[in-house]
């Protein structure tokens, strides 16, 4: 277990508010252990060695009925950190502002 940073949780709440506040957000992943991160890195070149998930500064999430594009657009409007679109979820973090 590891705490998740309250700023990234506040960002997620802000996204939920923009969606209308009553939409259920599915958190796919938040904190990731170093061991889990290493396993994921061996399976995909898209996993950072020093992922912000290791510090509880990032979240993967989805919202049923809302496209990844719409979620990423809303997340990007906060200019609060990284936003990435993946096949089944969106990544947000409170690191440097960047998009992928």
PDB file of N, CA and C in Angstrom:
ATOM      1  N   UNK A   1       0.844  -1.186   0.000  1.00  0.00           N
ATOM      2  CA  UNK A   1       0.000   0.000   0.000  1.00  0.00           C
ATOM      3  C   UNK A   1       0.882   1.239   0.000  1.00  0.00           C
ATOM      4  N   UNK A   2       0.353   2.280  -0.609  1.00  0.00           N
ATOM      5  CA  UNK A   2       1.083   3.531  -0.717  1.00  0.00           C
ATOM      6  C   UNK A   2       0.060   4.648  -0.897  1.00  0.00           C
ATOM      7  N   UNK A   3       0.276   5.785  -0.275  1.00  0.00           N
ATOM      8  CA  UNK A   3      -0.689   6.880  -0.455  1.00  0.00           C
ATOM      9  C   UNK A   3      -0.649   7.437  -1.875  1.00  0.00           C
ATOM     10  N   UNK A   4      -1.807   7.876  -2.333  1.00  0.00           N
ATOM     11  CA  UNK A   4      -1.909   8.572  -3.610  1.00  0.00           C
ATOM     12  C   UNK A   4      -1.973  10.056  -3.293  1.00  0.00           C
ATOM     13  N   UNK A   5      -1.210  10.840  -4.017  1.00  0.00           N
ATOM     14  CA  UNK A   5      -1.120  12.274  -3.781  1.00  0.00           C
ATOM     15  C   UNK A   5      -2.497  12.931  -3.913  1.00  0.00           C
ATOM     16  N   UNK A   6      -2.813  13.799  -2.982  1.00  0.00           N
ATOM     17  CA  UNK A   6      -4.131  14.448  -2.994  1.00  0.00           C
ATOM     18  C   UNK A   6      -4.312  15.395  -4.183  1.00  0.00           C
ATOM     19  N   UNK A   7      -3.235  15.923  -4.743  1.00  0.00           N
ATOM     20  CA  UNK A   7      -3.368  16.808  -5.906  1.00  0.00           C
ATOM     21  C   UNK A   7      -3.861  16.042  -7.130  1.00  0.00           C
ATOM     22  N   UNK A   8      -3.378  14.813  -7.320  1.00  0.00           N
ATOM     23  CA  UNK A   8      -3.854  14.030  -8.462  1.00  0.00           C
ATOM     24  C   UNK A   8      -5.296  13.584  -8.226  1.00  0.00           C
ATOM     25  N   UNK A   9      -5.658  13.335  -6.976  1.00  0.00           N
ATOM     26  CA  UNK A   9      -7.058  13.017  -6.664  1.00  0.00           C
ATOM     27  C   UNK A   9      -7.954  14.233  -6.900  1.00  0.00           C
ATOM     28  N   UNK A  10      -7.463  15.419  -6.561  1.00  0.00           N
ATOM     29  CA  UNK A  10      -8.226  16.652  -6.807  1.00  0.00           C
ATOM     30  C   UNK A  10      -8.421  16.870  -8.309  1.00  0.00           C
ATOM     31  N   UNK A  11      -7.400  16.553  -9.096  1.00  0.00           N
ATOM     32  CA  UNK A  11      -7.532  16.656 -10.549  1.00  0.00           C
ATOM     33  C   UNK A  11      -8.619  15.711 -11.045  1.00  0.00           C
ATOM     34  N   UNK A  12      -8.622  14.488 -10.554  1.00  0.00           N
ATOM     35  CA  UNK A  12      -9.644  13.522 -10.937  1.00  0.00           C
ATOM     36  C   UNK A  12     -11.043  14.018 -10.539  1.00  0.00           C
ATOM     37  N   UNK A  13     -11.158  14.617  -9.365  1.00  0.00           N
ATOM     38  CA  UNK A  13     -12.443  15.186  -8.927  1.00  0.00           C
ATOM     39  C   UNK A  13     -12.862  16.343  -9.829  1.00  0.00           C
ATOM     40  N   UNK A  14     -11.900  17.147 -10.258  1.00  0.00           N
ATOM     41  CA  UNK A  14     -12.205  18.241 -11.179  1.00  0.00           C
ATOM     42  C   UNK A  14     -12.741  17.724 -12.504  1.00  0.00           C
ATOM     43  N   UNK A  15     -12.146  16.646 -12.983  1.00  0.00           N
ATOM     44  CA  UNK A  15     -12.621  16.021 -14.219  1.00  0.00           C
ATOM     45  C   UNK A  15     -14.043  15.508 -14.023  1.00  0.00           C
ATOM     46  N   UNK A  16     -14.285  14.867 -12.891  1.00  0.00           N
ATOM     47  CA  UNK A  16     -15.629  14.364 -12.596  1.00  0.00           C
ATOM     48  C   UNK A  16     -16.638  15.517 -12.537  1.00  0.00           C
ATOM     49  N   UNK A  17     -16.261  16.630 -11.933  1.00  0.00           N
ATOM     50  CA  UNK A  17     -17.149  17.793 -11.874  1.00  0.00           C
ATOM     51  C   UNK A  17     -17.505  18.290 -13.275  1.00  0.00           C
ATOM     52  N   UNK A  18     -16.515  18.334 -14.169  1.00  0.00           N
ATOM     53  CA  UNK A  18     -16.766  18.791 -15.543  1.00  0.00           C
ATOM     54  C   UNK A  18     -17.694  17.835 -16.283  1.00  0.00           C
ATOM     55  N   UNK A  19     -17.702  16.582 -15.880  1.00  0.00           N
ATOM     56  CA  UNK A  19     -18.580  15.588 -16.502  1.00  0.00           C
ATOM     57  C   UNK A  19     -19.998  15.648 -15.941  1.00  0.00           C
ATOM     58  N   UNK A  20     -20.188  16.437 -14.927  1.00  0.00           N
ATOM     59  CA  UNK A  20     -21.517  16.551 -14.326  1.00  0.00           C
ATOM     60  C   UNK A  20     -21.567  16.107 -12.887  1.00  0.00           C
ATOM     61  N   UNK A  21     -20.465  15.579 -12.362  1.00  0.00           N
ATOM     62  CA  UNK A  21     -20.380  15.239 -10.949  1.00  0.00           C
ATOM     63  C   UNK A  21     -20.981  13.914 -10.540  1.00  0.00           C
ATOM     64  N   UNK A  22     -21.917  13.400 -11.328  1.00  0.00           N
ATOM     65  CA  UNK A  22     -22.544  12.141 -10.933  1.00  0.00           C
ATOM     66  C   UNK A  22     -22.061  10.961 -11.765  1.00  0.00           C
ATOM     67  N   UNK A  23     -21.057  11.169 -12.606  1.00  0.00           N
ATOM     68  CA  UNK A  23     -20.514  10.078 -13.430  1.00  0.00           C
ATOM     69  C   UNK A  23     -19.550   9.240 -12.593  1.00  0.00           C
ATOM     70  N   UNK A  24     -19.669   7.946 -12.697  1.00  0.00           N
ATOM     71  CA  UNK A  24     -18.790   7.046 -11.960  1.00  0.00           C
ATOM     72  C   UNK A  24     -17.469   6.895 -12.707  1.00  0.00           C
ATOM     73  N   UNK A  25     -16.385   7.166 -12.001  1.00  0.00           N
ATOM     74  CA  UNK A  25     -15.041   7.034 -12.562  1.00  0.00           C
ATOM     75  C   UNK A  25     -14.474   5.694 -12.128  1.00  0.00           C
ATOM     76  N   UNK A  26     -13.964   4.950 -13.090  1.00  0.00           N
ATOM     77  CA  UNK A  26     -13.300   3.679 -12.794  1.00  0.00           C
ATOM     78  C   UNK A  26     -11.796   3.920 -12.765  1.00  0.00           C
ATOM     79  N   UNK A  27     -11.187   3.739 -11.609  1.00  0.00           N
ATOM     80  CA  UNK A  27      -9.734   3.869 -11.491  1.00  0.00           C
ATOM     81  C   UNK A  27      -9.123   2.526 -11.864  1.00  0.00           C
ATOM     82  N   UNK A  28      -8.317   2.533 -12.903  1.00  0.00           N
ATOM     83  CA  UNK A  28      -7.678   1.318 -13.401  1.00  0.00           C
ATOM     84  C   UNK A  28      -6.400   1.051 -12.607  1.00  0.00           C
ATOM     85  N   UNK A  29      -5.646   2.105 -12.346  1.00  0.00           N
ATOM     86  CA  UNK A  29      -4.364   1.981 -11.648  1.00  0.00           C
ATOM     87  C   UNK A  29      -4.006   3.332 -11.049  1.00  0.00           C
ATOM     88  N   UNK A  30      -3.381   3.303  -9.899  1.00  0.00           N
ATOM     89  CA  UNK A  30      -2.859   4.533  -9.289  1.00  0.00           C
ATOM     90  C   UNK A  30      -1.428   4.234  -8.858  1.00  0.00           C
ATOM     91  N   UNK A  31      -1.200   3.954  -7.583  1.00  0.00           N
ATOM     92  CA  UNK A  31       0.148   3.579  -7.155  1.00  0.00           C
ATOM     93  C   UNK A  31       0.549   2.260  -7.811  1.00  0.00           C
ATOM     94  N   UNK A  32       1.809   2.182  -8.198  1.00  0.00           N
ATOM     95  CA  UNK A  32       2.361   0.961  -8.780  1.00  0.00           C
ATOM     96  C   UNK A  32       3.668   0.653  -8.062  1.00  0.00           C
ATOM     97  N   UNK A  33       3.820  -0.566  -7.568  1.00  0.00           N
ATOM     98  CA  UNK A  33       5.058  -0.954  -6.883  1.00  0.00           C
ATOM     99  C   UNK A  33       6.211  -1.036  -7.886  1.00  0.00           C
ATOM    100  N   UNK A  34       7.449  -0.896  -7.412  1.00  0.00           N
ATOM    101  CA  UNK A  34       8.596  -1.033  -8.320  1.00  0.00           C
ATOM    102  C   UNK A  34       8.605  -2.388  -9.038  1.00  0.00           C
ATOM    103  N   UNK A  35       8.217  -3.441  -8.338  1.00  0.00           N
ATOM    104  CA  UNK A  35       8.190  -4.769  -8.956  1.00  0.00           C
ATOM    105  C   UNK A  35       7.152  -4.830 -10.079  1.00  0.00           C
ATOM    106  N   UNK A  36       5.980  -4.300  -9.816  1.00  0.00           N
ATOM    107  CA  UNK A  36       4.926  -4.268 -10.836  1.00  0.00           C
ATOM    108  C   UNK A  36       5.380  -3.422 -12.024  1.00  0.00           C
ATOM    109  N   UNK A  37       5.990  -2.287 -11.753  1.00  0.00           N
ATOM    110  CA  UNK A  37       6.469  -1.415 -12.818  1.00  0.00           C
ATOM    111  C   UNK A  37       7.491  -2.142 -13.698  1.00  0.00           C
ATOM    112  N   UNK A  38       8.404  -2.886 -13.074  1.00  0.00           N
ATOM    113  CA  UNK A  38       9.412  -3.631 -13.826  1.00  0.00           C
ATOM    114  C   UNK A  38       8.772  -4.689 -14.718  1.00  0.00           C
ATOM    115  N   UNK A  39       7.774  -5.393 -14.210  1.00  0.00           N
ATOM    116  CA  UNK A  39       7.073  -6.392 -15.019  1.00  0.00           C
ATOM    117  C   UNK A  39       6.402  -5.721 -16.217  1.00  0.00           C
ATOM    118  N   UNK A  40       5.725  -4.612 -15.973  1.00  0.00           N
ATOM    119  CA  UNK A  40       5.054  -3.900 -17.060  1.00  0.00           C
ATOM    120  C   UNK A  40       6.054  -3.372 -18.083  1.00  0.00           C
ATOM    121  N   UNK A  41       7.217  -2.925 -17.624  1.00  0.00           N
ATOM    122  CA  UNK A  41       8.255  -2.438 -18.541  1.00  0.00           C
ATOM    123  C   UNK A  41       8.767  -3.539 -19.454  1.00  0.00           C
ATOM    124  N   UNK A  42       8.849  -4.772 -18.950  1.00  0.00           N
ATOM    125  CA  UNK A  42       9.322  -5.876 -19.793  1.00  0.00           C
ATOM    126  C   UNK A  42       8.289  -6.235 -20.860  1.00  0.00           C
ATOM    127  N   UNK A  43       7.013  -5.926 -20.595  1.00  0.00           N
ATOM    128  CA  UNK A  43       5.944  -6.243 -21.546  1.00  0.00           C
ATOM    129  C   UNK A  43       5.685  -5.115 -22.538  1.00  0.00           C
ATOM    130  N   UNK A  44       6.084  -3.895 -22.172  1.00  0.00           N
ATOM    131  CA  UNK A  44       5.779  -2.739 -23.021  1.00  0.00           C
ATOM    132  C   UNK A  44       6.876  -1.689 -22.901  1.00  0.00           C
ATOM    133  N   UNK A  45       7.280  -1.169 -24.018  1.00  0.00           N
ATOM    134  CA  UNK A  45       8.256  -0.080 -24.029  1.00  0.00           C
ATOM    135  C   UNK A  45       7.642   1.250 -23.656  1.00  0.00           C
ATOM    136  N   UNK A  46       6.349   1.271 -23.367  1.00  0.00           N
ATOM    137  CA  UNK A  46       5.658   2.522 -23.048  1.00  0.00           C
ATOM    138  C   UNK A  46       5.641   2.831 -21.553  1.00  0.00           C
ATOM    139  N   UNK A  47       6.203   1.952 -20.736  1.00  0.00           N
ATOM    140  CA  UNK A  47       6.197   2.148 -19.286  1.00  0.00           C
ATOM    141  C   UNK A  47       7.530   2.773 -18.872  1.00  0.00           C
ATOM    142  N   UNK A  48       7.463   3.924 -18.232  1.00  0.00           N
ATOM    143  CA  UNK A  48       8.668   4.654 -17.827  1.00  0.00           C
ATOM    144  C   UNK A  48       9.359   3.966 -16.649  1.00  0.00           C
ATOM    145  N   UNK A  49      10.671   3.972 -16.687  1.00  0.00           N
ATOM    146  CA  UNK A  49      11.458   3.393 -15.590  1.00  0.00           C
ATOM    147  C   UNK A  49      11.127   4.105 -14.278  1.00  0.00           C
ATOM    148  N   UNK A  50      10.998   5.408 -14.316  1.00  0.00           N
ATOM    149  CA  UNK A  50      10.693   6.198 -13.118  1.00  0.00           C
ATOM    150  C   UNK A  50       9.266   6.745 -13.187  1.00  0.00           C
ATOM    151  N   UNK A  51       8.333   5.875 -13.510  1.00  0.00           N
ATOM    152  CA  UNK A  51       6.934   6.255 -13.653  1.00  0.00           C
ATOM    153  C   UNK A  51       6.435   7.016 -12.424  1.00  0.00           C
ATOM    154  N   UNK A  52       5.604   8.024 -12.677  1.00  0.00           N
ATOM    155  CA  UNK A  52       5.002   8.767 -11.569  1.00  0.00           C
ATOM    156  C   UNK A  52       4.029   7.910 -10.768  1.00  0.00           C
ATOM    157  N   UNK A  53       3.615   6.767 -11.329  1.00  0.00           N
ATOM    158  CA  UNK A  53       2.791   5.821 -10.565  1.00  0.00           C
ATOM    159  C   UNK A  53       3.566   5.304  -9.351  1.00  0.00           C
ATOM    160  N   UNK A  54       4.881   5.228  -9.438  1.00  0.00           N
ATOM    161  CA  UNK A  54       5.708   4.733  -8.333  1.00  0.00           C
ATOM    162  C   UNK A  54       5.648   5.645  -7.113  1.00  0.00           C
ATOM    163  N   UNK A  55       5.267   6.894  -7.328  1.00  0.00           N
ATOM    164  CA  UNK A  55       5.194   7.877  -6.252  1.00  0.00           C
ATOM    165  C   UNK A  55       3.750   8.225  -5.879  1.00  0.00           C
ATOM    166  N   UNK A  56       2.793   7.558  -6.498  1.00  0.00           N
ATOM    167  CA  UNK A  56       1.390   7.873  -6.227  1.00  0.00           C
ATOM    168  C   UNK A  56       0.969   9.200  -6.831  1.00  0.00           C
ATOM    169  N   UNK A  57       1.633   9.598  -7.930  1.00  0.00           N
ATOM    170  CA  UNK A  57       1.364  10.884  -8.570  1.00  0.00           C
ATOM    171  C   UNK A  57       0.611  10.750  -9.886  1.00  0.00           C
ATOM    172  N   UNK A  58       0.159   9.539 -10.213  1.00  0.00           N
ATOM    173  CA  UNK A  58      -0.502   9.303 -11.495  1.00  0.00           C
ATOM    174  C   UNK A  58      -1.657   8.329 -11.318  1.00  0.00           C
ATOM    175  N   UNK A  59      -2.637   8.453 -12.223  1.00  0.00           N
ATOM    176  CA  UNK A  59      -3.813   7.587 -12.202  1.00  0.00           C
ATOM    177  C   UNK A  59      -4.188   7.239 -13.640  1.00  0.00           C
ATOM    178  N   UNK A  60      -4.535   5.969 -13.865  1.00  0.00           N
ATOM    179  CA  UNK A  60      -5.205   5.536 -15.090  1.00  0.00           C
ATOM    180  C   UNK A  60      -6.680   5.437 -14.741  1.00  0.00           C
ATOM    181  N   UNK A  61      -7.547   5.982 -15.604  1.00  0.00           N
ATOM    182  CA  UNK A  61      -8.976   5.929 -15.317  1.00  0.00           C
ATOM    183  C   UNK A  61      -9.794   5.874 -16.595  1.00  0.00           C
ATOM    184  N   UNK A  62     -11.055   5.503 -16.446  1.00  0.00           N
ATOM    185  CA  UNK A  62     -12.015   5.482 -17.541  1.00  0.00           C
ATOM    186  C   UNK A  62     -13.383   5.855 -16.980  1.00  0.00           C
ATOM    187  N   UNK A  63     -14.264   6.292 -17.865  1.00  0.00           N
ATOM    188  CA  UNK A  63     -15.651   6.593 -17.495  1.00  0.00           C
ATOM    189  C   UNK A  63     -16.539   5.970 -18.562  1.00  0.00           C
ATOM    190  N   UNK A  64     -17.385   5.067 -18.158  1.00  0.00           N
ATOM    191  CA  UNK A  64     -18.273   4.393 -19.092  1.00  0.00           C
ATOM    192  C   UNK A  64     -19.111   5.418 -19.855  1.00  0.00           C
ATOM    193  N   UNK A  65     -19.149   5.254 -21.174  1.00  0.00           N
ATOM    194  CA  UNK A  65     -19.956   6.141 -22.008  1.00  0.00           C
ATOM    195  C   UNK A  65     -19.279   7.437 -22.397  1.00  0.00           C
ATOM    196  N   UNK A  66     -18.040   7.654 -21.955  1.00  0.00           N
ATOM    197  CA  UNK A  66     -17.298   8.876 -22.305  1.00  0.00           C
ATOM    198  C   UNK A  66     -16.031   8.444 -23.028  1.00  0.00           C
ATOM    199  N   UNK A  67     -15.794   9.000 -24.204  1.00  0.00           N
ATOM    200  CA  UNK A  67     -14.641   8.603 -25.004  1.00  0.00           C
ATOM    201  C   UNK A  67     -13.330   9.033 -24.353  1.00  0.00           C
ATOM    202  N   UNK A  68     -12.288   8.316 -24.681  1.00  0.00           N
ATOM    203  CA  UNK A  68     -10.952   8.673 -24.195  1.00  0.00           C
ATOM    204  C   UNK A  68     -10.571  10.073 -24.680  1.00  0.00           C
ATOM    205  N   UNK A  69     -10.974  10.388 -25.898  1.00  0.00           N
ATOM    206  CA  UNK A  69     -10.661  11.710 -26.447  1.00  0.00           C
ATOM    207  C   UNK A  69     -11.305  12.810 -25.614  1.00  0.00           C
ATOM    208  N   UNK A  70     -12.569  12.616 -25.248  1.00  0.00           N
ATOM    209  CA  UNK A  70     -13.269  13.618 -24.430  1.00  0.00           C
ATOM    210  C   UNK A  70     -12.630  13.723 -23.048  1.00  0.00           C
ATOM    211  N   UNK A  71     -12.304  12.586 -22.437  1.00  0.00           N
ATOM    212  CA  UNK A  71     -11.667  12.612 -21.116  1.00  0.00           C
ATOM    213  C   UNK A  71     -10.313  13.298 -21.179  1.00  0.00           C
ATOM    214  N   UNK A  72      -9.524  12.992 -22.197  1.00  0.00           N
ATOM    215  CA  UNK A  72      -8.202  13.612 -22.335  1.00  0.00           C
ATOM    216  C   UNK A  72      -8.329  15.112 -22.572  1.00  0.00           C
ATOM    217  N   UNK A  73      -9.316  15.521 -23.353  1.00  0.00           N
ATOM    218  CA  UNK A  73      -9.532  16.951 -23.614  1.00  0.00           C
ATOM    219  C   UNK A  73      -9.875  17.683 -22.314  1.00  0.00           C
ATOM    220  N   UNK A  74     -10.754  17.093 -21.515  1.00  0.00           N
ATOM    221  CA  UNK A  74     -11.120  17.698 -20.233  1.00  0.00           C
ATOM    222  C   UNK A  74      -9.892  17.758 -19.323  1.00  0.00           C
ATOM    223  N   UNK A  75      -9.171  16.649 -19.197  1.00  0.00           N
ATOM    224  CA  UNK A  75      -7.979  16.608 -18.337  1.00  0.00           C
ATOM    225  C   UNK A  75      -6.947  17.642 -18.785  1.00  0.00           C
ATOM    226  N   UNK A  76      -6.755  17.775 -20.094  1.00  0.00           N
ATOM    227  CA  UNK A  76      -5.776  18.725 -20.627  1.00  0.00           C
ATOM    228  C   UNK A  76      -6.140  20.168 -20.304  1.00  0.00           C
ATOM    229  N   UNK A  77      -7.433  20.442 -20.181  1.00  0.00           N
ATOM    230  CA  UNK A  77      -7.881  21.817 -19.939  1.00  0.00           C
ATOM    231  C   UNK A  77      -7.443  22.340 -18.571  1.00  0.00           C
ATOM    232  N   UNK A  78      -7.025  21.461 -17.667  1.00  0.00           N
ATOM    233  CA  UNK A  78      -6.561  21.876 -16.337  1.00  0.00           C
ATOM    234  C   UNK A  78      -5.090  22.305 -16.346  1.00  0.00           C
ATOM    235  N   UNK A  79      -4.333  21.945 -17.394  1.00  0.00           N
ATOM    236  CA  UNK A  79      -2.894  22.255 -17.478  1.00  0.00           C
ATOM    237  C   UNK A  79      -2.185  21.904 -16.172  1.00  0.00           C
ATOM    238  N   UNK A  80      -2.508  20.698 -15.649  1.00  0.00           N
ATOM    239  CA  UNK A  80      -2.020  20.321 -14.322  1.00  0.00           C
ATOM    240  C   UNK A  80      -0.941  19.243 -14.340  1.00  0.00           C
ATOM    241  N   UNK A  81      -0.614  18.703 -15.499  1.00  0.00           N
ATOM    242  CA  UNK A  81       0.378  17.635 -15.571  1.00  0.00           C
ATOM    243  C   UNK A  81       0.243  16.871 -16.860  1.00  0.00           C
ATOM    244  N   UNK A  82       0.683  15.628 -16.853  1.00  0.00           N
ATOM    245  CA  UNK A  82       0.639  14.808 -18.047  1.00  0.00           C
ATOM    246  C   UNK A  82      -0.724  14.200 -18.290  1.00  0.00           C
ATOM    247  N   UNK A  83      -1.066  14.081 -19.577  1.00  0.00           N
ATOM    248  CA  UNK A  83      -2.309  13.450 -20.002  1.00  0.00           C
ATOM    249  C   UNK A  83      -1.977  12.546 -21.183  1.00  0.00           C
ATOM    250  N   UNK A  84      -2.319  11.269 -21.042  1.00  0.00           N
ATOM    251  CA  UNK A  84      -2.072  10.327 -22.129  1.00  0.00           C
ATOM    252  C   UNK A  84      -3.301   9.496 -22.422  1.00  0.00           C
ATOM    253  N   UNK A  85      -3.536   9.236 -23.714  1.00  0.00           N
ATOM    254  CA  UNK A  85      -4.652   8.387 -24.127  1.00  0.00           C
ATOM    255  C   UNK A  85      -4.100   7.003 -24.457  1.00  0.00           C
ATOM    256  N   UNK A  86      -4.702   5.993 -23.856  1.00  0.00           N
ATOM    257  CA  UNK A  86      -4.379   4.607 -24.153  1.00  0.00           C
ATOM    258  C   UNK A  86      -5.634   3.945 -24.705  1.00  0.00           C
ATOM    259  N   UNK A  87      -5.527   2.719 -25.140  1.00  0.00           N
ATOM    260  CA  UNK A  87      -6.639   2.049 -25.805  1.00  0.00           C
ATOM    261  C   UNK A  87      -7.906   2.007 -24.957  1.00  0.00           C
ATOM    262  N   UNK A  88      -7.772   1.739 -23.662  1.00  0.00           N
ATOM    263  CA  UNK A  88      -8.965   1.559 -22.839  1.00  0.00           C
ATOM    264  C   UNK A  88      -9.071   2.532 -21.667  1.00  0.00           C
ATOM    265  N   UNK A  89      -8.137   3.457 -21.522  1.00  0.00           N
ATOM    266  CA  UNK A  89      -8.166   4.380 -20.388  1.00  0.00           C
ATOM    267  C   UNK A  89      -7.353   5.618 -20.693  1.00  0.00           C
ATOM    268  N   UNK A  90      -7.423   6.575 -19.770  1.00  0.00           N
ATOM    269  CA  UNK A  90      -6.659   7.821 -19.858  1.00  0.00           C
ATOM    270  C   UNK A  90      -5.727   7.892 -18.658  1.00  0.00           C
ATOM    271  N   UNK A  91      -4.527   8.387 -18.899  1.00  0.00           N
ATOM    272  CA  UNK A  91      -3.533   8.605 -17.847  1.00  0.00           C
ATOM    273  C   UNK A  91      -3.556  10.087 -17.487  1.00  0.00           C
ATOM    274  N   UNK A  92      -3.546  10.381 -16.183  1.00  0.00           N
ATOM    275  CA  UNK A  92      -3.305  11.745 -15.705  1.00  0.00           C
ATOM    276  C   UNK A  92      -2.224  11.680 -14.633  1.00  0.00           C
ATOM    277  N   UNK A  93      -1.450  12.745 -14.544  1.00  0.00           N
ATOM    278  CA  UNK A  93      -0.472  12.841 -13.466  1.00  0.00           C
ATOM    279  C   UNK A  93      -0.255  14.311 -13.142  1.00  0.00           C
ATOM    280  N   UNK A  94       0.480  14.556 -12.073  1.00  0.00           N
ATOM    281  CA  UNK A  94       0.765  15.934 -11.665  1.00  0.00           C
ATOM    282  C   UNK A  94       2.238  16.257 -11.843  1.00  0.00           C
ATOM    283  N   UNK A  95       2.845  15.631 -12.842  1.00  0.00           N
ATOM    284  CA  UNK A  95       4.222  15.953 -13.213  1.00  0.00           C
ATOM    285  C   UNK A  95       4.214  17.132 -14.178  1.00  0.00           C
ATOM    286  N   UNK A  96       5.263  17.257 -14.976  1.00  0.00           N
ATOM    287  CA  UNK A  96       5.307  18.328 -15.986  1.00  0.00           C
ATOM    288  C   UNK A  96       4.128  18.211 -16.968  1.00  0.00           C
ATOM    289  N   UNK A  97       3.671  19.350 -17.478  1.00  0.00           N
ATOM    290  CA  UNK A  97       2.583  19.352 -18.463  1.00  0.00           C
ATOM    291  C   UNK A  97       3.102  18.777 -19.775  1.00  0.00           C
ATOM    292  N   UNK A  98       2.450  17.701 -20.245  1.00  0.00           N
ATOM    293  CA  UNK A  98       2.797  17.076 -21.517  1.00  0.00           C
ATOM    294  C   UNK A  98       1.634  16.203 -21.940  1.00  0.00           C
ATOM    295  N   UNK A  99       1.609  15.851 -23.227  1.00  0.00           N
ATOM    296  CA  UNK A  99       0.476  15.104 -23.779  1.00  0.00           C
ATOM    297  C   UNK A  99       0.967  14.007 -24.719  1.00  0.00           C
ATOM    298  N   UNK A 100       0.293  12.880 -24.695  1.00  0.00           N
ATOM    299  CA  UNK A 100       0.598  11.805 -25.644  1.00  0.00           C
ATOM    300  C   UNK A 100      -0.649  10.977 -25.886  1.00  0.00           C
TER     301      UNK A 100
END
